[in-house]
Amino acid sequence: MANHKATKKDTRQAAKRRDRNRYYGKTTRNAIRDLKAVASDDKAYDEKLPLTVSMIDKLAKRGVIHKNKANNLKSKLARKTSLKTA
């Protein structure tokens, strides 16, 4: 355990950030799962896609996931839209 006051504070802050990042990550994964569940319904999919993409972008901006992973996720989700219209 840390002995310095500043190190104890840093440990508390890191724990808060970790919990917050886990919450954001889990919420986004659930949104992606829900989006994939409505893949057969074109209208619902098109309505939920921008919200989910926004959540993924926020994760990348916060540094929870890498920007390339965010782009890969968005690309896979957007590809399902283009496959349905083709």
PDB file of N, CA and C in Angstrom:
ATOM      1  N   MET A   1       0.840  -1.184   0.000  1.00  0.00           N
ATOM      2  CA  MET A   1       0.000   0.000   0.000  1.00  0.00           C
ATOM      3  C   MET A   1       0.884   1.246   0.000  1.00  0.00           C
ATOM      4  N   ALA A   2       0.386   2.295  -0.598  1.00  0.00           N
ATOM      5  CA  ALA A   2       1.135   3.542  -0.714  1.00  0.00           C
ATOM      6  C   ALA A   2       1.286   4.211   0.644  1.00  0.00           C
ATOM      7  N   ASN A   3       2.390   4.913   0.814  1.00  0.00           N
ATOM      8  CA  ASN A   3       2.657   5.606   2.065  1.00  0.00           C
ATOM      9  C   ASN A   3       2.539   7.116   1.934  1.00  0.00           C
ATOM     10  N   HIS A   4       2.694   7.651   0.738  1.00  0.00           N
ATOM     11  CA  HIS A   4       2.631   9.084   0.542  1.00  0.00           C
ATOM     12  C   HIS A   4       1.196   9.519   0.274  1.00  0.00           C
ATOM     13  N   LYS A   5       0.883  10.724   0.728  1.00  0.00           N
ATOM     14  CA  LYS A   5      -0.463  11.247   0.587  1.00  0.00           C
ATOM     15  C   LYS A   5      -0.882  11.345  -0.885  1.00  0.00           C
ATOM     16  N   ALA A   6       0.019  11.839  -1.710  1.00  0.00           N
ATOM     17  CA  ALA A   6      -0.295  12.004  -3.132  1.00  0.00           C
ATOM     18  C   ALA A   6      -0.481  10.644  -3.817  1.00  0.00           C
ATOM     19  N   THR A   7       0.285   9.659  -3.400  1.00  0.00           N
ATOM     20  CA  THR A   7       0.158   8.332  -4.002  1.00  0.00           C
ATOM     21  C   THR A   7      -1.158   7.679  -3.604  1.00  0.00           C
ATOM     22  N   LYS A   8      -1.591   7.908  -2.375  1.00  0.00           N
ATOM     23  CA  LYS A   8      -2.894   7.384  -1.939  1.00  0.00           C
ATOM     24  C   LYS A   8      -4.019   8.020  -2.744  1.00  0.00           C
ATOM     25  N   LYS A   9      -3.896   9.329  -2.961  1.00  0.00           N
ATOM     26  CA  LYS A   9      -4.911  10.020  -3.751  1.00  0.00           C
ATOM     27  C   LYS A   9      -4.923   9.491  -5.181  1.00  0.00           C
ATOM     28  N   ASP A  10      -3.757   9.286  -5.756  1.00  0.00           N
ATOM     29  CA  ASP A  10      -3.665   8.766  -7.119  1.00  0.00           C
ATOM     30  C   ASP A  10      -4.303   7.381  -7.212  1.00  0.00           C
ATOM     31  N   THR A  11      -4.120   6.574  -6.182  1.00  0.00           N
ATOM     32  CA  THR A  11      -4.724   5.246  -6.160  1.00  0.00           C
ATOM     33  C   THR A  11      -6.251   5.347  -6.140  1.00  0.00           C
ATOM     34  N   ARG A  12      -6.777   6.278  -5.343  1.00  0.00           N
ATOM     35  CA  ARG A  12      -8.233   6.482  -5.298  1.00  0.00           C
ATOM     36  C   ARG A  12      -8.764   6.964  -6.644  1.00  0.00           C
ATOM     37  N   GLN A  13      -8.048   7.893  -7.249  1.00  0.00           N
ATOM     38  CA  GLN A  13      -8.480   8.418  -8.546  1.00  0.00           C
ATOM     39  C   GLN A  13      -8.442   7.347  -9.626  1.00  0.00           C
ATOM     40  N   ALA A  14      -7.401   6.523  -9.603  1.00  0.00           N
ATOM     41  CA  ALA A  14      -7.279   5.452 -10.594  1.00  0.00           C
ATOM     42  C   ALA A  14      -8.425   4.459 -10.450  1.00  0.00           C
ATOM     43  N   ALA A  15      -8.814   4.166  -9.210  1.00  0.00           N
ATOM     44  CA  ALA A  15      -9.922   3.237  -8.978  1.00  0.00           C
ATOM     45  C   ALA A  15     -11.228   3.819  -9.523  1.00  0.00           C
ATOM     46  N   LYS A  16     -11.446   5.112  -9.301  1.00  0.00           N
ATOM     47  CA  LYS A  16     -12.657   5.754  -9.823  1.00  0.00           C
ATOM     48  C   LYS A  16     -12.677   5.735 -11.342  1.00  0.00           C
ATOM     49  N   ARG A  17     -11.538   6.059 -11.948  1.00  0.00           N
ATOM     50  CA  ARG A  17     -11.463   6.056 -13.411  1.00  0.00           C
ATOM     51  C   ARG A  17     -11.676   4.661 -13.970  1.00  0.00           C
ATOM     52  N   ARG A  18     -11.089   3.657 -13.314  1.00  0.00           N
ATOM     53  CA  ARG A  18     -11.235   2.282 -13.778  1.00  0.00           C
ATOM     54  C   ARG A  18     -12.699   1.861 -13.739  1.00  0.00           C
ATOM     55  N   ASP A  19     -13.389   2.173 -12.645  1.00  0.00           N
ATOM     56  CA  ASP A  19     -14.808   1.814 -12.539  1.00  0.00           C
ATOM     57  C   ASP A  19     -15.645   2.539 -13.590  1.00  0.00           C
ATOM     58  N   ARG A  20     -15.342   3.818 -13.795  1.00  0.00           N
ATOM     59  CA  ARG A  20     -16.083   4.605 -14.779  1.00  0.00           C
ATOM     60  C   ARG A  20     -15.846   4.045 -16.178  1.00  0.00           C
ATOM     61  N   ASN A  21     -14.591   3.724 -16.502  1.00  0.00           N
ATOM     62  CA  ASN A  21     -14.274   3.184 -17.825  1.00  0.00           C
ATOM     63  C   ASN A  21     -14.909   1.821 -18.038  1.00  0.00           C
ATOM     64  N   ARG A  22     -14.941   0.997 -16.991  1.00  0.00           N
ATOM     65  CA  ARG A  22     -15.604  -0.306 -17.111  1.00  0.00           C
ATOM     66  C   ARG A  22     -17.086  -0.135 -17.383  1.00  0.00           C
ATOM     67  N   TYR A  23     -17.707   0.854 -16.722  1.00  0.00           N
ATOM     68  CA  TYR A  23     -19.129   1.117 -16.943  1.00  0.00           C
ATOM     69  C   TYR A  23     -19.375   1.554 -18.382  1.00  0.00           C
ATOM     70  N   TYR A  24     -18.593   2.522 -18.869  1.00  0.00           N
ATOM     71  CA  TYR A  24     -18.761   2.996 -20.243  1.00  0.00           C
ATOM     72  C   TYR A  24     -18.542   1.865 -21.241  1.00  0.00           C
ATOM     73  N   GLY A  25     -17.519   1.054 -21.020  1.00  0.00           N
ATOM     74  CA  GLY A  25     -17.223  -0.045 -21.934  1.00  0.00           C
ATOM     75  C   GLY A  25     -18.325  -1.070 -21.966  1.00  0.00           C
ATOM     76  N   LYS A  26     -18.834  -1.430 -20.797  1.00  0.00           N
ATOM     77  CA  LYS A  26     -19.895  -2.435 -20.721  1.00  0.00           C
ATOM     78  C   LYS A  26     -21.182  -1.908 -21.349  1.00  0.00           C
ATOM     79  N   THR A  27     -21.490  -0.634 -21.103  1.00  0.00           N
ATOM     80  CA  THR A  27     -22.691  -0.038 -21.678  1.00  0.00           C
ATOM     81  C   THR A  27     -22.618  -0.029 -23.205  1.00  0.00           C
ATOM     82  N   THR A  28     -21.451   0.273 -23.722  1.00  0.00           N
ATOM     83  CA  THR A  28     -21.280   0.295 -25.176  1.00  0.00           C
ATOM     84  C   THR A  28     -21.369  -1.111 -25.752  1.00  0.00           C
ATOM     85  N   ARG A  29     -20.762  -2.084 -25.082  1.00  0.00           N
ATOM     86  CA  ARG A  29     -20.868  -3.471 -25.566  1.00  0.00           C
ATOM     87  C   ARG A  29     -22.314  -3.939 -25.574  1.00  0.00           C
ATOM     88  N   ASN A  30     -23.091  -3.541 -24.560  1.00  0.00           N
ATOM     89  CA  ASN A  30     -24.511  -3.895 -24.534  1.00  0.00           C
ATOM     90  C   ASN A  30     -25.261  -3.223 -25.687  1.00  0.00           C
ATOM     91  N   ALA A  31     -24.904  -1.977 -25.996  1.00  0.00           N
ATOM     92  CA  ALA A  31     -25.554  -1.274 -27.104  1.00  0.00           C
ATOM     93  C   ALA A  31     -25.244  -1.958 -28.434  1.00  0.00           C
ATOM     94  N   ILE A  32     -24.009  -2.413 -28.594  1.00  0.00           N
ATOM     95  CA  ILE A  32     -23.627  -3.127 -29.818  1.00  0.00           C
ATOM     96  C   ILE A  32     -24.397  -4.442 -29.912  1.00  0.00           C
ATOM     97  N   ARG A  33     -24.508  -5.139 -28.793  1.00  0.00           N
ATOM     98  CA  ARG A  33     -25.255  -6.398 -28.768  1.00  0.00           C
ATOM     99  C   ARG A  33     -26.719  -6.164 -29.128  1.00  0.00           C
ATOM    100  N   ASP A  34     -27.324  -5.109 -28.556  1.00  0.00           N
ATOM    101  CA  ASP A  34     -28.719  -4.801 -28.862  1.00  0.00           C
ATOM    102  C   ASP A  34     -28.900  -4.399 -30.322  1.00  0.00           C
ATOM    103  N   LEU A  35     -27.918  -3.684 -30.854  1.00  0.00           N
ATOM    104  CA  LEU A  35     -27.982  -3.287 -32.261  1.00  0.00           C
ATOM    105  C   LEU A  35     -27.935  -4.517 -33.167  1.00  0.00           C
ATOM    106  N   LYS A  36     -27.073  -5.464 -32.845  1.00  0.00           N
ATOM    107  CA  LYS A  36     -26.987  -6.688 -33.643  1.00  0.00           C
ATOM    108  C   LYS A  36     -28.264  -7.509 -33.533  1.00  0.00           C
ATOM    109  N   ALA A  37     -28.955  -7.394 -32.397  1.00  0.00           N
ATOM    110  CA  ALA A  37     -30.186  -8.153 -32.197  1.00  0.00           C
ATOM    111  C   ALA A  37     -31.304  -7.656 -33.114  1.00  0.00           C
ATOM    112  N   VAL A  38     -31.286  -6.365 -33.451  1.00  0.00           N
ATOM    113  CA  VAL A  38     -32.332  -5.823 -34.323  1.00  0.00           C
ATOM    114  C   VAL A  38     -31.851  -5.713 -35.765  1.00  0.00           C
ATOM    115  N   ALA A  39     -30.851  -6.492 -36.128  1.00  0.00           N
ATOM    116  CA  ALA A  39     -30.275  -6.407 -37.473  1.00  0.00           C
ATOM    117  C   ALA A  39     -31.292  -6.750 -38.560  1.00  0.00           C
ATOM    118  N   SER A  40     -32.299  -7.539 -38.227  1.00  0.00           N
ATOM    119  CA  SER A  40     -33.277  -7.916 -39.245  1.00  0.00           C
ATOM    120  C   SER A  40     -34.263  -6.783 -39.536  1.00  0.00           C
ATOM    121  N   ASP A  41     -34.434  -5.874 -38.591  1.00  0.00           N
ATOM    122  CA  ASP A  41     -35.360  -4.750 -38.769  1.00  0.00           C
ATOM    123  C   ASP A  41     -34.567  -3.529 -39.249  1.00  0.00           C
ATOM    124  N   ASP A  42     -34.737  -3.195 -40.527  1.00  0.00           N
ATOM    125  CA  ASP A  42     -33.949  -2.121 -41.138  1.00  0.00           C
ATOM    126  C   ASP A  42     -34.152  -0.781 -40.448  1.00  0.00           C
ATOM    127  N   LYS A  43     -35.390  -0.439 -40.145  1.00  0.00           N
ATOM    128  CA  LYS A  43     -35.677   0.876 -39.581  1.00  0.00           C
ATOM    129  C   LYS A  43     -35.076   1.015 -38.187  1.00  0.00           C
ATOM    130  N   ALA A  44     -35.256   0.012 -37.356  1.00  0.00           N
ATOM    131  CA  ALA A  44     -34.716   0.066 -35.996  1.00  0.00           C
ATOM    132  C   ALA A  44     -33.187   0.097 -36.015  1.00  0.00           C
ATOM    133  N   TYR A  45     -32.606  -0.665 -36.922  1.00  0.00           N
ATOM    134  CA  TYR A  45     -31.147  -0.699 -37.035  1.00  0.00           C
ATOM    135  C   TYR A  45     -30.604   0.677 -37.423  1.00  0.00           C
ATOM    136  N   ASP A  46     -31.266   1.312 -38.402  1.00  0.00           N
ATOM    137  CA  ASP A  46     -30.808   2.625 -38.857  1.00  0.00           C
ATOM    138  C   ASP A  46     -30.994   3.696 -37.787  1.00  0.00           C
ATOM    139  N   GLU A  47     -31.983   3.524 -36.908  1.00  0.00           N
ATOM    140  CA  GLU A  47     -32.195   4.486 -35.830  1.00  0.00           C
ATOM    141  C   GLU A  47     -31.152   4.327 -34.729  1.00  0.00           C
ATOM    142  N   LYS A  48     -30.779   3.092 -34.420  1.00  0.00           N
ATOM    143  CA  LYS A  48     -29.857   2.839 -33.315  1.00  0.00           C
ATOM    144  C   LYS A  48     -28.384   2.964 -33.712  1.00  0.00           C
ATOM    145  N   LEU A  49     -28.104   2.852 -34.989  1.00  0.00           N
ATOM    146  CA  LEU A  49     -26.705   2.886 -35.439  1.00  0.00           C
ATOM    147  C   LEU A  49     -25.977   4.172 -35.060  1.00  0.00           C
ATOM    148  N   PRO A  50     -26.534   5.358 -35.305  1.00  0.00           N
ATOM    149  CA  PRO A  50     -25.789   6.580 -34.946  1.00  0.00           C
ATOM    150  C   PRO A  50     -25.503   6.700 -33.448  1.00  0.00           C
ATOM    151  N   LEU A  51     -26.430   6.256 -32.615  1.00  0.00           N
ATOM    152  CA  LEU A  51     -26.216   6.315 -31.167  1.00  0.00           C
ATOM    153  C   LEU A  51     -25.078   5.398 -30.741  1.00  0.00           C
ATOM    154  N   THR A  52     -25.049   4.220 -31.318  1.00  0.00           N
ATOM    155  CA  THR A  52     -24.009   3.261 -30.982  1.00  0.00           C
ATOM    156  C   THR A  52     -22.647   3.728 -31.486  1.00  0.00           C
ATOM    157  N   VAL A  53     -22.611   4.274 -32.669  1.00  0.00           N
ATOM    158  CA  VAL A  53     -21.356   4.792 -33.223  1.00  0.00           C
ATOM    159  C   VAL A  53     -20.834   5.936 -32.358  1.00  0.00           C
ATOM    160  N   SER A  54     -21.743   6.764 -31.865  1.00  0.00           N
ATOM    161  CA  SER A  54     -21.354   7.863 -30.988  1.00  0.00           C
ATOM    162  C   SER A  54     -20.738   7.337 -29.694  1.00  0.00           C
ATOM    163  N   MET A  55     -21.318   6.292 -29.144  1.00  0.00           N
ATOM    164  CA  MET A  55     -20.776   5.691 -27.918  1.00  0.00           C
ATOM    165  C   MET A  55     -19.380   5.135 -28.160  1.00  0.00           C
ATOM    166  N   ILE A  56     -19.182   4.498 -29.307  1.00  0.00           N
ATOM    167  CA  ILE A  56     -17.870   3.934 -29.639  1.00  0.00           C
ATOM    168  C   ILE A  56     -16.843   5.056 -29.786  1.00  0.00           C
ATOM    169  N   ASP A  57     -17.247   6.150 -30.439  1.00  0.00           N
ATOM    170  CA  ASP A  57     -16.336   7.288 -30.602  1.00  0.00           C
ATOM    171  C   ASP A  57     -15.929   7.876 -29.253  1.00  0.00           C
ATOM    172  N   LYS A  58     -16.863   7.956 -28.332  1.00  0.00           N
ATOM    173  CA  LYS A  58     -16.556   8.497 -27.009  1.00  0.00           C
ATOM    174  C   LYS A  58     -15.579   7.602 -26.262  1.00  0.00           C
ATOM    175  N   LEU A  59     -15.722   6.288 -26.430  1.00  0.00           N
ATOM    176  CA  LEU A  59     -14.772   5.368 -25.795  1.00  0.00           C
ATOM    177  C   LEU A  59     -13.367   5.593 -26.327  1.00  0.00           C
ATOM    178  N   ALA A  60     -13.259   5.786 -27.633  1.00  0.00           N
ATOM    179  CA  ALA A  60     -11.941   6.007 -28.226  1.00  0.00           C
ATOM    180  C   ALA A  60     -11.367   7.348 -27.777  1.00  0.00           C
ATOM    181  N   LYS A  61     -12.216   8.353 -27.679  1.00  0.00           N
ATOM    182  CA  LYS A  61     -11.763   9.677 -27.258  1.00  0.00           C
ATOM    183  C   LYS A  61     -11.254   9.645 -25.817  1.00  0.00           C
ATOM    184  N   ARG A  62     -11.931   8.884 -24.971  1.00  0.00           N
ATOM    185  CA  ARG A  62     -11.537   8.789 -23.568  1.00  0.00           C
ATOM    186  C   ARG A  62     -10.326   7.883 -23.362  1.00  0.00           C
ATOM    187  N   GLY A  63      -9.987   7.118 -24.392  1.00  0.00           N
ATOM    188  CA  GLY A  63      -8.843   6.220 -24.274  1.00  0.00           C
ATOM    189  C   GLY A  63      -9.184   4.869 -23.689  1.00  0.00           C
ATOM    190  N   VAL A  64     -10.467   4.547 -23.619  1.00  0.00           N
ATOM    191  CA  VAL A  64     -10.880   3.250 -23.092  1.00  0.00           C
ATOM    192  C   VAL A  64     -10.546   2.155 -24.095  1.00  0.00           C
ATOM    193  N   ILE A  65     -10.769   2.450 -25.374  1.00  0.00           N
ATOM    194  CA  ILE A  65     -10.374   1.522 -26.437  1.00  0.00           C
ATOM    195  C   ILE A  65      -9.505   2.286 -27.425  1.00  0.00           C
ATOM    196  N   HIS A  66      -8.751   1.559 -28.211  1.00  0.00           N
ATOM    197  CA  HIS A  66      -7.858   2.167 -29.201  1.00  0.00           C
ATOM    198  C   HIS A  66      -8.690   2.700 -30.359  1.00  0.00           C
ATOM    199  N   LYS A  67      -8.203   3.756 -30.997  1.00  0.00           N
ATOM    200  CA  LYS A  67      -8.971   4.372 -32.085  1.00  0.00           C
ATOM    201  C   LYS A  67      -9.144   3.425 -33.268  1.00  0.00           C
ATOM    202  N   ASN A  68      -8.176   2.549 -33.512  1.00  0.00           N
ATOM    203  CA  ASN A  68      -8.322   1.600 -34.611  1.00  0.00           C
ATOM    204  C   ASN A  68      -9.389   0.560 -34.303  1.00  0.00           C
ATOM    205  N   LYS A  69      -9.475   0.142 -33.041  1.00  0.00           N
ATOM    206  CA  LYS A  69     -10.528  -0.795 -32.653  1.00  0.00           C
ATOM    207  C   LYS A  69     -11.893  -0.142 -32.828  1.00  0.00           C
ATOM    208  N   ALA A  70     -11.984   1.132 -32.465  1.00  0.00           N
ATOM    209  CA  ALA A  70     -13.242   1.859 -32.646  1.00  0.00           C
ATOM    210  C   ALA A  70     -13.622   1.908 -34.120  1.00  0.00           C
ATOM    211  N   ASN A  71     -12.656   2.203 -34.971  1.00  0.00           N
ATOM    212  CA  ASN A  71     -12.939   2.260 -36.400  1.00  0.00           C
ATOM    213  C   ASN A  71     -13.343   0.900 -36.951  1.00  0.00           C
ATOM    214  N   ASN A  72     -12.707  -0.159 -36.464  1.00  0.00           N
ATOM    215  CA  ASN A  72     -13.078  -1.503 -36.915  1.00  0.00           C
ATOM    216  C   ASN A  72     -14.502  -1.850 -36.497  1.00  0.00           C
ATOM    217  N   LEU A  73     -14.867  -1.520 -35.263  1.00  0.00           N
ATOM    218  CA  LEU A  73     -16.226  -1.789 -34.793  1.00  0.00           C
ATOM    219  C   LEU A  73     -17.251  -1.022 -35.624  1.00  0.00           C
ATOM    220  N   LYS A  74     -16.986   0.264 -35.847  1.00  0.00           N
ATOM    221  CA  LYS A  74     -17.922   1.087 -36.618  1.00  0.00           C
ATOM    222  C   LYS A  74     -18.040   0.577 -38.050  1.00  0.00           C
ATOM    223  N   SER A  75     -16.928   0.137 -38.613  1.00  0.00           N
ATOM    224  CA  SER A  75     -16.945  -0.360 -39.985  1.00  0.00           C
ATOM    225  C   SER A  75     -17.797  -1.618 -40.100  1.00  0.00           C
ATOM    226  N   LYS A  76     -17.646  -2.522 -39.135  1.00  0.00           N
ATOM    227  CA  LYS A  76     -18.428  -3.758 -39.176  1.00  0.00           C
ATOM    228  C   LYS A  76     -19.921  -3.478 -39.024  1.00  0.00           C
ATOM    229  N   LEU A  77     -20.265  -2.528 -38.157  1.00  0.00           N
ATOM    230  CA  LEU A  77     -21.669  -2.207 -37.971  1.00  0.00           C
ATOM    231  C   LEU A  77     -22.251  -1.505 -39.188  1.00  0.00           C
ATOM    232  N   ALA A  78     -21.474  -0.624 -39.802  1.00  0.00           N
ATOM    233  CA  ALA A  78     -21.947   0.101 -40.980  1.00  0.00           C
ATOM    234  C   ALA A  78     -22.058  -0.825 -42.182  1.00  0.00           C
ATOM    235  N   ARG A  79     -21.206  -1.839 -42.245  1.00  0.00           N
ATOM    236  CA  ARG A  79     -21.240  -2.775 -43.363  1.00  0.00           C
ATOM    237  C   ARG A  79     -22.554  -3.533 -43.396  1.00  0.00           C
ATOM    238  N   LYS A  80     -23.132  -3.807 -42.231  1.00  0.00           N
ATOM    239  CA  LYS A  80     -24.413  -4.513 -42.200  1.00  0.00           C
ATOM    240  C   LYS A  80     -25.501  -3.663 -42.844  1.00  0.00           C
ATOM    241  N   THR A  81     -25.421  -2.350 -42.690  1.00  0.00           N
ATOM    242  CA  THR A  81     -26.396  -1.465 -43.319  1.00  0.00           C
ATOM    243  C   THR A  81     -26.250  -1.497 -44.823  1.00  0.00           C
ATOM    244  N   SER A  82     -25.016  -1.440 -45.314  1.00  0.00           N
ATOM    245  CA  SER A  82     -24.814  -1.412 -46.751  1.00  0.00           C
ATOM    246  C   SER A  82     -25.160  -2.760 -47.396  1.00  0.00           C
ATOM    247  N   LEU A  83     -24.995  -3.846 -46.659  1.00  0.00           N
ATOM    248  CA  LEU A  83     -25.351  -5.158 -47.209  1.00  0.00           C
ATOM    249  C   LEU A  83     -26.851  -5.289 -47.390  1.00  0.00           C
ATOM    250  N   LYS A  84     -27.621  -4.678 -46.493  1.00  0.00           N
ATOM    251  CA  LYS A  84     -29.067  -4.775 -46.586  1.00  0.00           C
ATOM    252  C   LYS A  84     -29.610  -3.966 -47.758  1.00  0.00           C
ATOM    253  N   THR A  85     -28.967  -2.833 -48.048  1.00  0.00           N
ATOM    254  CA  THR A  85     -29.473  -1.987 -49.131  1.00  0.00           C
ATOM    255  C   THR A  85     -29.010  -2.497 -50.497  1.00  0.00           C
ATOM    256  N   ALA A  86     -27.955  -3.274 -50.529  1.00  0.00           N
ATOM    257  CA  ALA A  86     -27.421  -3.758 -51.814  1.00  0.00           C
ATOM    258  C   ALA A  86     -28.241  -4.907 -52.342  1.00  0.00           C
TER     259      ALA A  86
END
